[in-house]
Amino acid sequence: MGARVILALLACAAPAQSASPAFWAHWGDGNAEVSSYDLVQPRYGELRQGTAVLIFVTEDFSWSERVKADPGAHPDADLRKVIKLNQNRDFQTGIYPYHTMTSSFLRVDGGDRMDPFDPIKVTFSAQEWCGMVYDELVMGPTSVHVTAHTYFDSDTTAPATHKVPADLVYEDSVPVLVRGLDTPWLAPGATRTVPWWPAQMAQRFAHEPAAIGEATVTRAAASAPKTVPAGTFTVDEFTVAVAGGPTTSWFVESAAPHRIVAWSSTAGERAELRGSDRLPYWQLNKPGDETYRARVGL
């Protein structure tokens, strides 16, 4: 029996907790939030200059197929509202470029024995002149099914299902969680230690299989100003200290909609906001629509 079928059999028909009207007043307007960043990306022992783009948007998702649901193609009982985060990174390594994308799909409502803003799917891909890789994680309430495709002989692994603790935090979900899109992830000054699944890009770049670790998450007690290319913002700082690994600071706009203003890591990675706008970007594909890039700092 396939992993998706197993997870589908675990599902409940209706969500247990629903997002607030305030959430949908902003995120239900049919637009995506598109933000660009000046990026410094460590790779091959050097710090590389590049660009990152974060895209946040809500959509209907099929629980059984774990794909974006076409209108009318699935029964209502199979649909889950998700917020999708596409993280795009472009940077140069010597003669050849890297293009990476991580897509994280977090359920908006609780249900299926899962909490609001639990991830239900994460995918990662990287393309560079040597070749490409692709990973897919499909999450259930107590397990994650991992499928990996690679051109590296030493990275080849068979698909596997891993048991995971219910309070596991996936690093690729953190840019959504720190925003507290419906309720705060942490109160000001609070700290908690959580089981931790590292980002798919970090695993790929390290050529290491997934292993559950531990991280301590802290929110600063007070807001503070932060200046980036897009301007000066009042931000709340969240730090994620991974046991035996790097510490990453996330600087989140204090005012709604709590955009990601910057992030930085003790490993050398950092990013600063250049521009941001809400757009139906998938419709802006005609000649001349390139002018919209300036609205998001590109």
Protein backbone atom coordinates (compact mmCIF):
# COMPACT_ATOMS: atom_id res chain seq x y z
CA MET A 1 0.00 0.00 0.00
CA GLY A 2 1.47 3.40 -1.02
CA ALA A 3 2.36 6.08 1.51
CA ARG A 4 -0.32 8.47 0.21
CA VAL A 5 -3.02 5.81 0.46
CA ILE A 6 -1.94 5.01 4.03
CA LEU A 7 -2.07 8.69 4.97
CA ALA A 8 -5.44 9.12 3.28
CA LEU A 9 -6.90 6.29 5.39
CA LEU A 10 -5.86 8.18 8.51
CA ALA A 11 -7.81 11.27 7.51
CA CYS A 12 -10.89 12.62 9.23
CA ALA A 13 -13.58 14.09 7.01
CA ALA A 14 -13.74 17.55 8.58
CA PRO A 15 -11.14 19.87 10.08
CA ALA A 16 -11.18 20.22 13.85
CA GLN A 17 -10.08 23.87 14.02
CA SER A 18 -10.66 26.63 11.50
CA ALA A 19 -8.67 29.77 10.77
CA SER A 20 -10.10 33.09 11.94
CA PRO A 21 -12.02 35.52 9.72
CA ALA A 22 -9.11 37.94 10.17
CA PHE A 23 -6.76 35.43 8.56
CA TRP A 24 -8.99 35.02 5.52
CA ALA A 25 -9.67 38.75 5.24
CA HIS A 26 -6.01 39.11 4.25
CA TRP A 27 -5.01 35.73 2.81
CA GLY A 28 -8.26 35.00 0.98
CA ASP A 29 -8.04 37.92 -1.45
CA GLY A 30 -6.74 35.82 -4.36
CA ASN A 31 -3.26 37.39 -4.34
CA ALA A 32 0.16 36.06 -3.40
CA GLU A 33 2.72 37.91 -1.31
CA VAL A 34 5.95 38.12 -3.32
CA SER A 35 9.11 39.38 -1.56
CA SER A 36 12.69 39.54 -2.84
CA TYR A 37 15.90 39.56 -0.80
CA ASP A 38 19.58 40.21 -1.20
CA LEU A 39 21.03 36.79 -0.39
CA VAL A 40 24.38 35.54 0.87
CA GLN A 41 24.48 31.76 0.49
CA PRO A 42 27.32 29.56 1.78
CA ARG A 43 28.39 26.91 -0.73
CA TYR A 44 31.64 24.98 -1.18
CA GLY A 45 33.19 26.79 1.77
CA GLU A 46 32.61 30.27 0.32
CA LEU A 47 29.94 32.95 0.73
CA ARG A 48 28.05 33.48 -2.54
CA GLN A 49 26.03 36.56 -3.53
CA GLY A 50 22.56 35.92 -4.86
CA THR A 51 18.85 36.62 -4.75
CA ALA A 52 16.05 34.93 -2.81
CA VAL A 53 12.33 35.22 -3.48
CA LEU A 54 9.68 34.10 -0.98
CA ILE A 55 6.12 33.61 -2.25
CA PHE A 56 3.25 33.03 0.19
CA VAL A 57 -0.22 32.13 -1.12
CA THR A 58 -3.26 30.10 -0.05
CA GLU A 59 -4.82 27.42 -2.23
CA ASP A 60 -6.99 24.30 -2.16
CA PHE A 61 -5.01 21.08 -1.75
CA SER A 62 -5.98 17.46 -2.30
CA TRP A 63 -5.30 15.39 0.83
CA SER A 64 -5.33 12.08 -1.05
CA GLU A 65 -3.13 13.16 -3.97
CA ARG A 66 -1.04 15.84 -2.18
CA VAL A 67 -1.27 18.26 -5.11
CA LYS A 68 -2.98 21.57 -5.77
CA ALA A 69 -6.62 20.75 -6.42
CA ASP A 70 -8.17 21.78 -9.71
CA PRO A 71 -11.61 23.39 -9.25
CA GLY A 72 -14.32 20.73 -9.13
CA ALA A 73 -11.88 17.82 -9.52
CA HIS A 74 -12.10 16.52 -5.92
CA PRO A 75 -14.91 15.99 -3.40
CA ASP A 76 -15.08 18.56 -0.62
CA ALA A 77 -14.04 15.93 1.94
CA ASP A 78 -10.69 15.58 0.14
CA LEU A 79 -9.89 19.32 0.12
CA ARG A 80 -7.64 21.05 2.62
CA LYS A 81 -6.86 24.76 2.69
CA VAL A 82 -3.10 25.30 2.73
CA ILE A 83 -0.71 28.19 2.77
CA LYS A 84 2.09 27.51 0.34
CA LEU A 85 5.57 28.95 0.68
CA ASN A 86 7.84 28.81 -2.36
CA GLN A 87 11.45 29.65 -1.44
CA ASN A 88 13.52 30.40 -4.54
CA ARG A 89 17.29 30.97 -4.42
CA ASP A 90 19.64 31.89 -7.26
CA PHE A 91 23.40 32.27 -6.75
CA GLN A 92 26.62 31.76 -8.65
CA THR A 93 29.38 29.28 -7.77
CA GLY A 94 32.39 30.07 -9.94
CA ILE A 95 31.52 29.33 -13.55
CA TYR A 96 28.12 27.77 -12.90
CA PRO A 97 24.85 28.93 -11.26
CA TYR A 98 22.60 27.30 -8.70
CA HIS A 99 18.81 27.48 -8.81
CA THR A 100 16.94 25.98 -5.84
CA MET A 101 13.30 25.89 -4.84
CA THR A 102 11.62 24.60 -1.70
CA SER A 103 7.83 24.38 -1.61
CA SER A 104 6.20 23.96 1.79
CA PHE A 105 2.47 23.28 2.10
CA LEU A 106 1.07 23.95 5.57
CA ARG A 107 -2.54 23.18 6.39
CA VAL A 108 -4.48 26.26 7.53
CA ASP A 109 -7.06 24.34 9.57
CA GLY A 110 -6.52 21.56 12.06
CA GLY A 111 -7.85 18.07 11.39
CA ASP A 112 -6.72 14.57 10.37
CA ARG A 113 -5.10 14.36 13.85
CA MET A 114 -2.88 17.32 12.90
CA ASP A 115 -2.74 20.91 14.16
CA PRO A 116 -3.24 24.17 12.24
CA PHE A 117 -0.11 25.11 10.27
CA ASP A 118 1.35 21.61 10.40
CA PRO A 119 3.08 20.86 7.09
CA ILE A 120 1.51 18.18 4.94
CA LYS A 121 4.04 18.26 2.09
CA VAL A 122 7.49 19.69 1.38
CA THR A 123 9.38 19.42 -1.90
CA PHE A 124 12.89 20.55 -2.77
CA SER A 125 14.74 20.75 -6.06
CA ALA A 126 18.15 22.06 -7.07
CA GLN A 127 19.50 22.59 -10.56
CA GLU A 128 23.10 23.39 -11.47
CA TRP A 129 25.45 22.46 -14.29
CA CYS A 130 26.35 19.09 -12.78
CA GLY A 131 22.72 17.93 -12.66
CA MET A 132 19.60 18.12 -10.54
CA VAL A 133 18.02 16.62 -7.41
CA TYR A 134 14.44 16.39 -6.19
CA ASP A 135 13.04 15.46 -2.76
CA GLU A 136 9.43 14.97 -1.64
CA LEU A 137 8.22 14.71 1.95
CA VAL A 138 4.60 13.70 2.63
CA MET A 139 3.54 14.20 6.24
CA GLY A 140 0.94 12.49 8.37
CA PRO A 141 0.15 12.88 12.08
CA THR A 142 2.94 10.54 13.23
CA SER A 143 5.03 9.84 10.15
CA VAL A 144 6.77 11.34 7.14
CA HIS A 145 7.34 9.53 3.86
CA VAL A 146 10.52 10.60 2.06
CA THR A 147 11.26 10.09 -1.62
CA ALA A 148 14.55 11.35 -3.07
CA HIS A 149 15.87 11.49 -6.62
CA THR A 150 19.48 12.42 -7.27
CA TYR A 151 22.36 12.26 -9.73
CA PHE A 152 24.85 11.61 -6.89
CA ASP A 153 25.65 7.91 -6.50
CA SER A 154 26.42 8.30 -2.78
CA ASP A 155 23.07 10.07 -2.15
CA THR A 156 20.88 7.33 -3.61
CA THR A 157 18.35 6.08 -1.04
CA ALA A 158 15.15 4.05 -1.27
CA PRO A 159 11.84 5.70 -0.36
CA ALA A 160 11.21 5.36 3.36
CA THR A 161 8.59 6.18 5.97
CA HIS A 162 9.87 7.54 9.30
CA LYS A 163 8.01 7.68 12.60
CA VAL A 164 8.11 11.22 13.99
CA PRO A 165 7.00 12.90 17.22
CA ALA A 166 3.79 14.90 17.07
CA ASP A 167 5.54 18.17 17.99
CA LEU A 168 8.28 17.85 15.36
CA VAL A 169 9.22 21.17 13.70
CA TYR A 170 10.34 21.04 10.08
CA GLU A 171 12.88 23.76 9.35
CA ASP A 172 11.31 24.46 5.96
CA SER A 173 8.10 25.51 7.81
CA VAL A 174 9.82 28.08 10.02
CA PRO A 175 9.38 31.10 7.68
CA VAL A 176 5.62 30.53 7.99
CA LEU A 177 5.57 29.71 11.70
CA VAL A 178 7.53 32.76 12.86
CA ARG A 179 5.00 35.01 11.13
CA GLY A 180 2.18 33.86 13.42
CA LEU A 181 -0.29 34.29 10.58
CA ASP A 182 -3.31 33.46 12.76
CA THR A 183 -1.91 33.04 16.28
CA PRO A 184 1.62 33.77 17.56
CA TRP A 185 4.06 30.86 17.42
CA LEU A 186 5.74 32.07 20.64
CA ALA A 187 4.90 34.81 23.13
CA PRO A 188 7.43 37.64 23.57
CA GLY A 189 10.33 36.43 25.71
CA ALA A 190 9.29 32.76 25.47
CA THR A 191 11.63 29.84 24.79
CA ARG A 192 10.92 26.20 24.00
CA THR A 193 12.91 23.20 22.84
CA VAL A 194 11.49 21.10 20.02
CA PRO A 195 12.42 18.02 17.98
CA TRP A 196 13.84 19.25 14.67
CA TRP A 197 13.92 18.11 11.04
CA PRO A 198 16.57 20.08 9.08
CA ALA A 199 15.84 21.87 5.83
CA GLN A 200 15.96 19.76 2.69
CA MET A 201 18.48 22.11 1.07
CA ALA A 202 20.82 21.81 4.06
CA GLN A 203 20.59 18.01 3.91
CA ARG A 204 21.33 17.98 0.19
CA PHE A 205 24.26 20.38 0.41
CA ALA A 206 25.75 18.31 3.26
CA HIS A 207 25.08 15.01 1.43
CA GLU A 208 23.61 13.62 4.64
CA PRO A 209 20.36 11.69 5.18
CA ALA A 210 17.63 13.11 7.34
CA ALA A 211 18.04 12.74 11.08
CA ILE A 212 15.76 14.15 13.77
CA GLY A 213 17.63 16.50 16.09
CA GLU A 214 16.70 19.17 18.60
CA ALA A 215 16.43 22.95 18.46
CA THR A 216 15.72 25.69 20.96
CA VAL A 217 13.43 28.45 19.70
CA THR A 218 13.38 31.84 21.41
CA ARG A 219 11.43 35.04 20.76
CA ALA A 220 12.96 38.33 21.89
CA ALA A 221 11.13 40.04 24.73
CA ALA A 222 10.78 43.35 22.87
CA SER A 223 10.59 44.61 19.30
CA ALA A 224 13.44 46.61 17.76
CA PRO A 225 14.17 48.54 14.54
CA LYS A 226 15.82 46.80 11.59
CA THR A 227 17.13 48.56 8.48
CA VAL A 228 17.30 46.66 5.17
CA PRO A 229 17.34 47.79 1.52
CA ALA A 230 13.52 48.04 1.55
CA GLY A 231 13.58 50.48 4.50
CA THR A 232 13.46 50.49 8.29
CA PHE A 233 10.99 48.20 10.03
CA THR A 234 10.04 47.43 13.62
CA VAL A 235 10.69 43.72 13.96
CA ASP A 236 10.40 40.80 16.35
CA GLU A 237 13.44 38.52 16.43
CA PHE A 238 13.12 34.75 16.63
CA THR A 239 16.26 32.65 17.09
CA VAL A 240 16.50 28.95 16.32
CA ALA A 241 19.55 27.28 17.89
CA VAL A 242 20.04 23.78 16.50
CA ALA A 243 21.86 21.38 18.83
CA GLY A 244 25.24 20.72 17.25
CA GLY A 245 24.42 23.05 14.37
CA PRO A 246 23.95 26.68 13.41
CA THR A 247 21.79 29.34 15.04
CA THR A 248 19.49 31.28 12.73
CA SER A 249 17.81 34.60 13.57
CA TRP A 250 14.55 35.55 11.84
CA PHE A 251 13.50 39.20 11.84
CA VAL A 252 9.74 39.47 11.41
CA GLU A 253 7.76 42.65 10.81
CA SER A 254 5.93 43.43 14.05
CA ALA A 255 2.92 44.93 12.29
CA ALA A 256 0.56 42.86 10.17
CA PRO A 257 1.05 41.07 7.83
CA HIS A 258 4.32 40.20 9.65
CA ARG A 259 6.54 39.85 6.59
CA ILE A 260 10.00 38.32 6.80
CA VAL A 261 12.30 41.36 6.84
CA ALA A 262 15.63 39.51 7.16
CA TRP A 263 17.32 36.35 8.38
CA SER A 264 20.90 35.45 9.25
CA SER A 265 22.75 32.33 10.35
CA THR A 266 25.98 31.66 12.20
CA ALA A 267 26.84 29.47 9.18
CA GLY A 268 27.11 32.67 7.10
CA GLU A 269 23.75 32.69 5.34
CA ARG A 270 21.87 35.98 5.42
CA ALA A 271 19.13 37.76 3.51
CA GLU A 272 17.61 41.27 3.59
CA LEU A 273 14.32 42.44 2.12
CA ARG A 274 14.51 44.43 -1.13
CA GLY A 275 10.82 44.77 -1.94
CA SER A 276 7.41 43.18 -1.45
CA ASP A 277 3.93 43.33 -2.97
CA ARG A 278 0.73 41.29 -3.23
CA LEU A 279 0.12 40.16 -6.80
CA PRO A 280 -1.66 37.45 -8.85
CA TYR A 281 1.78 36.69 -10.29
CA TRP A 282 0.62 33.58 -12.22
CA GLN A 283 -1.45 35.89 -14.45
CA LEU A 284 1.42 38.34 -15.09
CA ASN A 285 3.08 36.38 -17.87
CA LYS A 286 2.45 38.62 -20.87
CA PRO A 287 5.03 40.79 -22.67
CA GLY A 288 5.35 43.95 -20.60
CA ASP A 289 4.46 42.31 -17.31
CA GLU A 290 8.20 42.36 -16.52
CA THR A 291 7.55 45.85 -15.13
CA TYR A 292 5.90 44.26 -12.09
CA ARG A 293 9.32 42.96 -11.03
CA ALA A 294 10.25 46.44 -9.82
CA ARG A 295 7.29 46.33 -7.40
CA VAL A 296 8.89 43.41 -5.59
CA GLY A 297 12.46 44.75 -5.64
CA LEU A 298 13.75 42.83 -8.67
